[in-house]
Amino acid sequence: MIKLTEQEIKVMDHFHIVPNNFNGDGTLPTPQEILAWALENPDGMTIRTTEDAERLLKSLGEKLWDKFESDSISIENTATWVLSHYFTLEQLRKMKPEEAESFLKDWKYHFGFRKCDGWGGYYIGDAIDALEGRLVLSEDEKDKKEYWYVYAND
């Protein structure tokens, strides 16, 4: 998955945006709603116009939906980022594999986690490893644009 900016993550988290929102049936906030929220919560936000908000939504659509569609090779890395972003270590330790699979399917079903049945335990384990520092984001130049995890001692 293509890396998101801090600003994109803040907007996603606040408005509960997931890739499935871009499937044509989903609901997205309007640029005006994003602008209003950004102006009320300026910490780290550079959105100052409706056009800025439109650009941010377009960028999210490209990263989460348009370009993600051809990015199935990094699905495990995406699962690591998603689970370690949305859940705490304690929550992950209590999570059942089926719960992780359900969450991931709700997050990105089409050409995402549609066929992840049986992989939930693996995804949870990687997310725990990321939160505990055993897996870290690669610093290799070829991996700078994506969430690509490697073992910390590599």
N, C-alpha and C. Protein backbone atom coordinates (compact mmCIF):
# COMPACT_ATOMS: atom_id res chain seq x y z
N MET A 1 0.85 -1.18 0.00
CA MET A 1 0.00 0.00 0.00
C MET A 1 0.89 1.23 0.00
N ILE A 2 0.54 2.21 -0.76
CA ILE A 2 1.29 3.45 -0.83
C ILE A 2 1.16 4.18 0.50
N LYS A 3 2.27 4.69 1.00
CA LYS A 3 2.26 5.38 2.29
C LYS A 3 1.35 6.60 2.27
N LEU A 4 0.70 6.80 3.37
CA LEU A 4 -0.19 7.95 3.56
C LEU A 4 0.55 9.05 4.31
N THR A 5 0.17 10.29 4.07
CA THR A 5 0.75 11.39 4.84
C THR A 5 0.06 11.45 6.20
N GLU A 6 0.67 12.11 7.14
CA GLU A 6 0.06 12.27 8.47
C GLU A 6 -1.30 12.96 8.35
N GLN A 7 -1.37 13.94 7.47
CA GLN A 7 -2.63 14.67 7.26
C GLN A 7 -3.71 13.74 6.70
N GLU A 8 -3.34 12.90 5.74
CA GLU A 8 -4.31 11.94 5.19
C GLU A 8 -4.79 10.98 6.26
N ILE A 9 -3.88 10.52 7.10
CA ILE A 9 -4.25 9.60 8.17
C ILE A 9 -5.21 10.28 9.16
N LYS A 10 -4.93 11.53 9.51
CA LYS A 10 -5.82 12.25 10.43
C LYS A 10 -7.23 12.38 9.85
N VAL A 11 -7.33 12.72 8.58
CA VAL A 11 -8.64 12.86 7.94
C VAL A 11 -9.33 11.50 7.87
N MET A 12 -8.57 10.46 7.48
CA MET A 12 -9.14 9.11 7.43
C MET A 12 -9.69 8.69 8.78
N ASP A 13 -8.89 8.90 9.82
CA ASP A 13 -9.31 8.48 11.16
C ASP A 13 -10.54 9.25 11.63
N HIS A 14 -10.52 10.56 11.43
CA HIS A 14 -11.64 11.37 11.90
C HIS A 14 -12.95 11.03 11.17
N PHE A 15 -12.87 10.87 9.87
CA PHE A 15 -14.08 10.63 9.08
C PHE A 15 -14.35 9.14 8.82
N HIS A 16 -13.53 8.29 9.44
CA HIS A 16 -13.70 6.83 9.31
C HIS A 16 -13.68 6.40 7.84
N ILE A 17 -12.72 6.94 7.11
CA ILE A 17 -12.57 6.60 5.70
C ILE A 17 -11.73 5.34 5.58
N VAL A 18 -12.22 4.39 4.81
CA VAL A 18 -11.49 3.17 4.48
C VAL A 18 -11.56 3.00 2.96
N PRO A 19 -10.71 2.14 2.39
CA PRO A 19 -10.76 1.96 0.95
C PRO A 19 -12.15 1.60 0.42
N ASN A 20 -12.92 0.84 1.17
CA ASN A 20 -14.25 0.46 0.71
C ASN A 20 -15.15 1.67 0.45
N ASN A 21 -14.85 2.82 1.04
CA ASN A 21 -15.63 4.03 0.76
C ASN A 21 -15.50 4.50 -0.68
N PHE A 22 -14.46 4.04 -1.37
CA PHE A 22 -14.21 4.50 -2.73
C PHE A 22 -14.76 3.53 -3.78
N ASN A 23 -15.57 2.55 -3.36
CA ASN A 23 -16.04 1.54 -4.30
C ASN A 23 -17.28 1.95 -5.09
N GLY A 24 -17.70 3.18 -4.96
CA GLY A 24 -18.88 3.65 -5.68
C GLY A 24 -20.14 3.58 -4.85
N ASP A 25 -20.15 2.68 -3.88
CA ASP A 25 -21.32 2.55 -2.99
C ASP A 25 -21.06 3.20 -1.64
N GLY A 26 -19.81 3.55 -1.38
CA GLY A 26 -19.44 4.07 -0.07
C GLY A 26 -19.77 5.54 0.10
N THR A 27 -19.69 5.98 1.33
CA THR A 27 -19.96 7.37 1.67
C THR A 27 -18.66 8.05 2.06
N LEU A 28 -18.39 9.14 1.43
CA LEU A 28 -17.21 9.95 1.74
C LEU A 28 -17.65 11.31 2.24
N PRO A 29 -16.81 11.94 3.07
CA PRO A 29 -17.14 13.32 3.46
C PRO A 29 -16.98 14.23 2.25
N THR A 30 -17.69 15.32 2.27
CA THR A 30 -17.54 16.30 1.19
C THR A 30 -16.28 17.12 1.44
N PRO A 31 -15.74 17.73 0.41
CA PRO A 31 -14.59 18.62 0.62
C PRO A 31 -14.92 19.74 1.62
N GLN A 32 -16.16 20.21 1.62
CA GLN A 32 -16.56 21.27 2.56
C GLN A 32 -16.52 20.76 4.00
N GLU A 33 -16.93 19.51 4.22
CA GLU A 33 -16.88 18.93 5.57
C GLU A 33 -15.43 18.77 6.04
N ILE A 34 -14.57 18.35 5.13
CA ILE A 34 -13.16 18.19 5.48
C ILE A 34 -12.55 19.55 5.79
N LEU A 35 -12.85 20.55 4.96
CA LEU A 35 -12.33 21.90 5.20
C LEU A 35 -12.78 22.43 6.54
N ALA A 36 -14.05 22.32 6.86
CA ALA A 36 -14.58 22.82 8.13
C ALA A 36 -13.87 22.15 9.29
N TRP A 37 -13.70 20.84 9.22
CA TRP A 37 -13.03 20.11 10.31
C TRP A 37 -11.56 20.54 10.41
N ALA A 38 -10.88 20.67 9.26
CA ALA A 38 -9.46 21.04 9.26
C ALA A 38 -9.25 22.43 9.85
N LEU A 39 -10.16 23.35 9.56
CA LEU A 39 -10.04 24.71 10.10
C LEU A 39 -10.30 24.73 11.61
N GLU A 40 -11.14 23.83 12.10
CA GLU A 40 -11.41 23.73 13.53
C GLU A 40 -10.30 23.00 14.27
N ASN A 41 -9.55 22.17 13.56
CA ASN A 41 -8.49 21.34 14.14
C ASN A 41 -7.21 21.54 13.35
N PRO A 42 -6.61 22.72 13.45
CA PRO A 42 -5.49 23.07 12.56
C PRO A 42 -4.17 22.38 12.86
N ASP A 43 -4.06 21.63 13.96
CA ASP A 43 -2.79 21.02 14.34
C ASP A 43 -2.26 20.11 13.22
N GLY A 44 -1.24 20.58 12.53
CA GLY A 44 -0.62 19.82 11.46
C GLY A 44 -1.38 19.80 10.16
N MET A 45 -2.48 20.53 10.08
CA MET A 45 -3.29 20.52 8.86
C MET A 45 -2.90 21.69 7.96
N THR A 46 -2.81 21.41 6.66
CA THR A 46 -2.51 22.47 5.70
C THR A 46 -3.70 22.72 4.78
N ILE A 47 -4.82 22.12 5.10
CA ILE A 47 -6.03 22.33 4.30
C ILE A 47 -6.62 23.68 4.68
N ARG A 48 -6.65 24.58 3.70
CA ARG A 48 -7.16 25.93 3.93
C ARG A 48 -8.26 26.33 2.95
N THR A 49 -8.46 25.50 1.92
CA THR A 49 -9.48 25.80 0.91
C THR A 49 -10.22 24.52 0.54
N THR A 50 -11.35 24.67 -0.12
CA THR A 50 -12.09 23.51 -0.62
C THR A 50 -11.23 22.74 -1.62
N GLU A 51 -10.44 23.46 -2.41
CA GLU A 51 -9.57 22.81 -3.38
C GLU A 51 -8.53 21.93 -2.69
N ASP A 52 -8.00 22.40 -1.56
CA ASP A 52 -7.06 21.59 -0.78
C ASP A 52 -7.72 20.29 -0.33
N ALA A 53 -8.95 20.39 0.14
CA ALA A 53 -9.69 19.22 0.61
C ALA A 53 -9.99 18.27 -0.56
N GLU A 54 -10.31 18.84 -1.72
CA GLU A 54 -10.56 18.02 -2.91
C GLU A 54 -9.30 17.25 -3.31
N ARG A 55 -8.14 17.93 -3.26
CA ARG A 55 -6.87 17.27 -3.58
C ARG A 55 -6.58 16.14 -2.60
N LEU A 56 -6.86 16.38 -1.32
CA LEU A 56 -6.62 15.34 -0.32
C LEU A 56 -7.52 14.12 -0.59
N LEU A 57 -8.79 14.34 -0.87
CA LEU A 57 -9.69 13.23 -1.19
C LEU A 57 -9.24 12.48 -2.44
N LYS A 58 -8.79 13.21 -3.44
CA LYS A 58 -8.30 12.59 -4.68
C LYS A 58 -7.08 11.73 -4.38
N SER A 59 -6.17 12.26 -3.56
CA SER A 59 -4.97 11.52 -3.20
C SER A 59 -5.32 10.25 -2.43
N LEU A 60 -6.26 10.35 -1.49
CA LEU A 60 -6.70 9.17 -0.75
C LEU A 60 -7.32 8.14 -1.70
N GLY A 61 -8.13 8.60 -2.61
CA GLY A 61 -8.75 7.70 -3.57
C GLY A 61 -7.72 6.95 -4.41
N GLU A 62 -6.69 7.66 -4.81
CA GLU A 62 -5.63 7.03 -5.60
C GLU A 62 -4.86 6.01 -4.76
N LYS A 63 -4.48 6.40 -3.55
CA LYS A 63 -3.67 5.53 -2.70
C LYS A 63 -4.45 4.34 -2.16
N LEU A 64 -5.69 4.56 -1.78
CA LEU A 64 -6.48 3.51 -1.13
C LEU A 64 -7.28 2.66 -2.11
N TRP A 65 -7.54 3.19 -3.29
CA TRP A 65 -8.42 2.47 -4.20
C TRP A 65 -7.82 2.28 -5.59
N ASP A 66 -7.53 3.38 -6.26
CA ASP A 66 -7.09 3.29 -7.66
C ASP A 66 -5.77 2.53 -7.81
N LYS A 67 -4.74 2.97 -7.10
CA LYS A 67 -3.42 2.34 -7.23
C LYS A 67 -3.30 1.09 -6.37
N PHE A 68 -4.12 1.00 -5.33
CA PHE A 68 -4.11 -0.18 -4.46
C PHE A 68 -4.56 -1.41 -5.22
N GLU A 69 -5.42 -1.22 -6.22
CA GLU A 69 -5.98 -2.34 -6.97
C GLU A 69 -4.91 -3.21 -7.61
N SER A 70 -3.79 -2.64 -7.99
CA SER A 70 -2.73 -3.42 -8.62
C SER A 70 -1.61 -3.74 -7.63
N ASP A 71 -1.89 -3.59 -6.35
CA ASP A 71 -0.85 -3.73 -5.32
C ASP A 71 -1.10 -4.94 -4.43
N SER A 72 -1.56 -6.04 -4.99
CA SER A 72 -1.89 -7.20 -4.16
C SER A 72 -0.66 -7.87 -3.58
N ILE A 73 0.51 -7.59 -4.10
CA ILE A 73 1.71 -8.25 -3.61
C ILE A 73 2.04 -7.84 -2.18
N SER A 74 1.62 -6.67 -1.75
CA SER A 74 1.96 -6.21 -0.39
C SER A 74 0.79 -6.33 0.58
N ILE A 75 -0.14 -7.24 0.32
CA ILE A 75 -1.34 -7.35 1.15
C ILE A 75 -0.99 -7.65 2.62
N GLU A 76 0.03 -8.47 2.87
CA GLU A 76 0.41 -8.77 4.25
C GLU A 76 0.97 -7.52 4.94
N ASN A 77 1.74 -6.74 4.20
CA ASN A 77 2.28 -5.50 4.76
C ASN A 77 1.16 -4.51 5.05
N THR A 78 0.16 -4.47 4.18
CA THR A 78 -0.99 -3.61 4.40
C THR A 78 -1.73 -4.05 5.66
N ALA A 79 -1.92 -5.35 5.83
CA ALA A 79 -2.59 -5.87 7.02
C ALA A 79 -1.81 -5.50 8.28
N THR A 80 -0.50 -5.58 8.22
CA THR A 80 0.33 -5.21 9.37
C THR A 80 0.10 -3.75 9.74
N TRP A 81 0.13 -2.88 8.72
CA TRP A 81 -0.07 -1.45 9.00
C TRP A 81 -1.47 -1.19 9.55
N VAL A 82 -2.49 -1.75 8.90
CA VAL A 82 -3.88 -1.49 9.28
C VAL A 82 -4.13 -1.96 10.72
N LEU A 83 -3.79 -3.20 11.02
CA LEU A 83 -4.07 -3.72 12.37
C LEU A 83 -3.24 -2.99 13.44
N SER A 84 -1.98 -2.68 13.14
CA SER A 84 -1.17 -1.99 14.15
C SER A 84 -1.55 -0.52 14.29
N HIS A 85 -2.24 0.03 13.29
CA HIS A 85 -2.71 1.42 13.37
C HIS A 85 -4.02 1.53 14.15
N TYR A 86 -4.94 0.60 13.92
CA TYR A 86 -6.27 0.71 14.48
C TYR A 86 -6.45 -0.02 15.82
N PHE A 87 -5.49 -0.85 16.21
CA PHE A 87 -5.65 -1.61 17.44
C PHE A 87 -4.42 -1.49 18.32
N THR A 88 -4.64 -1.59 19.62
CA THR A 88 -3.53 -1.58 20.58
C THR A 88 -2.96 -2.98 20.69
N LEU A 89 -1.81 -3.07 21.32
CA LEU A 89 -1.17 -4.36 21.56
C LEU A 89 -2.10 -5.28 22.36
N GLU A 90 -2.71 -4.74 23.38
CA GLU A 90 -3.63 -5.52 24.22
C GLU A 90 -4.83 -6.02 23.41
N GLN A 91 -5.39 -5.16 22.58
CA GLN A 91 -6.53 -5.58 21.75
C GLN A 91 -6.13 -6.68 20.77
N LEU A 92 -4.95 -6.55 20.19
CA LEU A 92 -4.48 -7.56 19.24
C LEU A 92 -4.24 -8.90 19.92
N ARG A 93 -3.72 -8.86 21.14
CA ARG A 93 -3.47 -10.10 21.86
C ARG A 93 -4.76 -10.84 22.19
N LYS A 94 -5.85 -10.12 22.34
CA LYS A 94 -7.15 -10.73 22.65
C LYS A 94 -7.95 -11.08 21.39
N MET A 95 -7.53 -10.54 20.26
CA MET A 95 -8.29 -10.69 19.02
C MET A 95 -8.22 -12.12 18.48
N LYS A 96 -9.35 -12.58 18.00
CA LYS A 96 -9.42 -13.88 17.34
C LYS A 96 -9.11 -13.68 15.85
N PRO A 97 -8.51 -14.68 15.22
CA PRO A 97 -8.18 -14.55 13.79
C PRO A 97 -9.37 -14.14 12.94
N GLU A 98 -10.55 -14.68 13.24
CA GLU A 98 -11.74 -14.36 12.46
C GLU A 98 -12.11 -12.88 12.60
N GLU A 99 -11.85 -12.30 13.78
CA GLU A 99 -12.14 -10.88 13.99
C GLU A 99 -11.22 -10.02 13.13
N ALA A 100 -9.94 -10.39 13.06
CA ALA A 100 -9.00 -9.64 12.22
C ALA A 100 -9.42 -9.73 10.75
N GLU A 101 -9.79 -10.92 10.32
CA GLU A 101 -10.22 -11.11 8.93
C GLU A 101 -11.46 -10.28 8.62
N SER A 102 -12.41 -10.26 9.53
CA SER A 102 -13.64 -9.48 9.33
C SER A 102 -13.32 -7.99 9.24
N PHE A 103 -12.48 -7.50 10.15
CA PHE A 103 -12.10 -6.09 10.15
C PHE A 103 -11.42 -5.73 8.83
N LEU A 104 -10.49 -6.56 8.39
CA LEU A 104 -9.76 -6.28 7.16
C LEU A 104 -10.67 -6.31 5.95
N LYS A 105 -11.63 -7.21 5.92
CA LYS A 105 -12.58 -7.25 4.80
C LYS A 105 -13.45 -5.99 4.79
N ASP A 106 -13.84 -5.51 5.97
CA ASP A 106 -14.61 -4.26 6.04
C ASP A 106 -13.75 -3.08 5.61
N TRP A 107 -12.46 -3.16 5.85
CA TRP A 107 -11.54 -2.08 5.50
C TRP A 107 -11.29 -2.06 3.99
N LYS A 108 -11.06 -3.22 3.39
CA LYS A 108 -10.77 -3.29 1.95
C LYS A 108 -11.12 -4.68 1.45
N TYR A 109 -12.28 -4.82 0.88
CA TYR A 109 -12.73 -6.13 0.42
C TYR A 109 -12.29 -6.42 -1.01
N HIS A 110 -12.72 -5.61 -1.96
CA HIS A 110 -12.45 -5.88 -3.37
C HIS A 110 -10.95 -5.79 -3.67
N PHE A 111 -10.39 -6.87 -4.19
CA PHE A 111 -8.97 -6.97 -4.48
C PHE A 111 -8.13 -6.58 -3.27
N GLY A 112 -8.66 -6.91 -2.11
CA GLY A 112 -7.95 -6.66 -0.87
C GLY A 112 -7.98 -7.93 -0.05
N PHE A 113 -8.83 -7.95 0.95
CA PHE A 113 -8.85 -9.06 1.89
C PHE A 113 -10.04 -9.99 1.64
N ARG A 114 -10.51 -10.04 0.42
CA ARG A 114 -11.65 -10.86 0.05
C ARG A 114 -11.41 -12.34 0.36
N LYS A 115 -10.21 -12.80 0.16
CA LYS A 115 -9.90 -14.22 0.35
C LYS A 115 -8.89 -14.42 1.49
N CYS A 116 -9.01 -13.66 2.55
CA CYS A 116 -8.03 -13.77 3.63
C CYS A 116 -8.44 -14.77 4.70
N ASP A 117 -9.48 -15.55 4.48
CA ASP A 117 -9.90 -16.54 5.46
C ASP A 117 -8.74 -17.48 5.80
N GLY A 118 -8.51 -17.63 7.10
CA GLY A 118 -7.44 -18.49 7.56
C GLY A 118 -6.12 -17.78 7.78
N TRP A 119 -6.05 -16.50 7.42
CA TRP A 119 -4.80 -15.73 7.56
C TRP A 119 -4.82 -14.78 8.75
N GLY A 120 -5.93 -14.68 9.46
CA GLY A 120 -6.06 -13.72 10.54
C GLY A 120 -5.00 -13.83 11.62
N GLY A 121 -4.67 -15.05 12.02
CA GLY A 121 -3.65 -15.24 13.05
C GLY A 121 -2.29 -14.74 12.60
N TYR A 122 -1.97 -14.98 11.36
CA TYR A 122 -0.72 -14.51 10.78
C TYR A 122 -0.68 -12.98 10.78
N TYR A 123 -1.77 -12.36 10.34
CA TYR A 123 -1.83 -10.90 10.29
C TYR A 123 -1.74 -10.28 11.69
N ILE A 124 -2.41 -10.89 12.66
CA ILE A 124 -2.34 -10.41 14.04
C ILE A 124 -0.90 -10.51 14.55
N GLY A 125 -0.26 -11.64 14.30
CA GLY A 125 1.12 -11.83 14.74
C GLY A 125 2.06 -10.78 14.18
N ASP A 126 1.90 -10.46 12.89
CA ASP A 126 2.76 -9.43 12.29
C ASP A 126 2.48 -8.05 12.89
N ALA A 127 1.21 -7.75 13.15
CA ALA A 127 0.88 -6.45 13.74
C ALA A 127 1.46 -6.34 15.15
N ILE A 128 1.40 -7.42 15.91
CA ILE A 128 2.02 -7.43 17.25
C ILE A 128 3.52 -7.23 17.12
N ASP A 129 4.14 -7.93 16.18
CA ASP A 129 5.59 -7.77 15.96
C ASP A 129 5.93 -6.32 15.60
N ALA A 130 5.08 -5.67 14.83
CA ALA A 130 5.33 -4.27 14.45
C ALA A 130 5.22 -3.36 15.67
N LEU A 131 4.20 -3.58 16.48
CA LEU A 131 4.02 -2.73 17.67
C LEU A 131 5.12 -2.97 18.70
N GLU A 132 5.66 -4.17 18.73
CA GLU A 132 6.73 -4.47 19.69
C GLU A 132 8.12 -4.21 19.11
N GLY A 133 8.19 -3.77 17.85
CA GLY A 133 9.46 -3.37 17.26
C GLY A 133 10.25 -4.48 16.59
N ARG A 134 9.71 -5.69 16.51
CA ARG A 134 10.42 -6.77 15.81
C ARG A 134 10.33 -6.60 14.29
N LEU A 135 9.21 -6.06 13.83
CA LEU A 135 9.05 -5.70 12.43
C LEU A 135 9.07 -4.18 12.36
N VAL A 136 9.81 -3.64 11.42
CA VAL A 136 9.91 -2.19 11.24
C VAL A 136 9.72 -1.85 9.77
N LEU A 137 9.35 -0.62 9.51
CA LEU A 137 9.23 -0.19 8.12
C LEU A 137 10.61 -0.15 7.48
N SER A 138 10.69 -0.70 6.29
CA SER A 138 11.95 -0.74 5.56
C SER A 138 12.44 0.67 5.28
N GLU A 139 13.75 0.84 5.38
CA GLU A 139 14.37 2.12 5.04
C GLU A 139 15.06 2.04 3.68
N ASP A 140 14.93 0.91 3.02
CA ASP A 140 15.50 0.73 1.68
C ASP A 140 14.85 1.74 0.74
N GLU A 141 15.63 2.35 -0.08
CA GLU A 141 15.15 3.40 -1.00
C GLU A 141 14.00 2.91 -1.88
N LYS A 142 14.04 1.67 -2.32
CA LYS A 142 12.98 1.14 -3.19
C LYS A 142 11.66 0.95 -2.44
N ASP A 143 11.70 0.94 -1.12
CA ASP A 143 10.50 0.73 -0.31
C ASP A 143 9.95 2.02 0.31
N LYS A 144 10.53 3.17 -0.01
CA LYS A 144 10.16 4.43 0.63
C LYS A 144 8.71 4.85 0.40
N LYS A 145 8.12 4.46 -0.72
CA LYS A 145 6.77 4.90 -1.06
C LYS A 145 5.67 4.00 -0.49
N GLU A 146 6.05 2.81 -0.02
CA GLU A 146 5.05 1.85 0.44
C GLU A 146 5.30 1.44 1.89
N TYR A 147 4.27 0.85 2.47
CA TYR A 147 4.42 0.23 3.78
C TYR A 147 5.01 -1.15 3.53
N TRP A 148 6.28 -1.30 3.81
CA TRP A 148 6.97 -2.56 3.59
C TRP A 148 7.77 -2.86 4.86
N TYR A 149 7.42 -3.96 5.52
CA TYR A 149 8.03 -4.28 6.81
C TYR A 149 9.14 -5.31 6.64
N VAL A 150 10.15 -5.15 7.46
CA VAL A 150 11.29 -6.08 7.52
C VAL A 150 11.57 -6.35 8.98
N TYR A 151 12.28 -7.44 9.26
CA TYR A 151 12.64 -7.72 10.65
C TYR A 151 13.68 -6.72 11.12
N ALA A 152 13.57 -6.28 12.34
CA ALA A 152 14.41 -5.21 12.88
C ALA A 152 15.89 -5.57 12.84
N ASN A 153 16.24 -6.81 12.93
CA ASN A 153 17.66 -7.19 12.97
C ASN A 153 18.21 -7.49 11.58
N ASP A 154 17.45 -7.24 10.51
CA ASP A 154 17.95 -7.48 9.14
C ASP A 154 18.83 -6.34 8.70
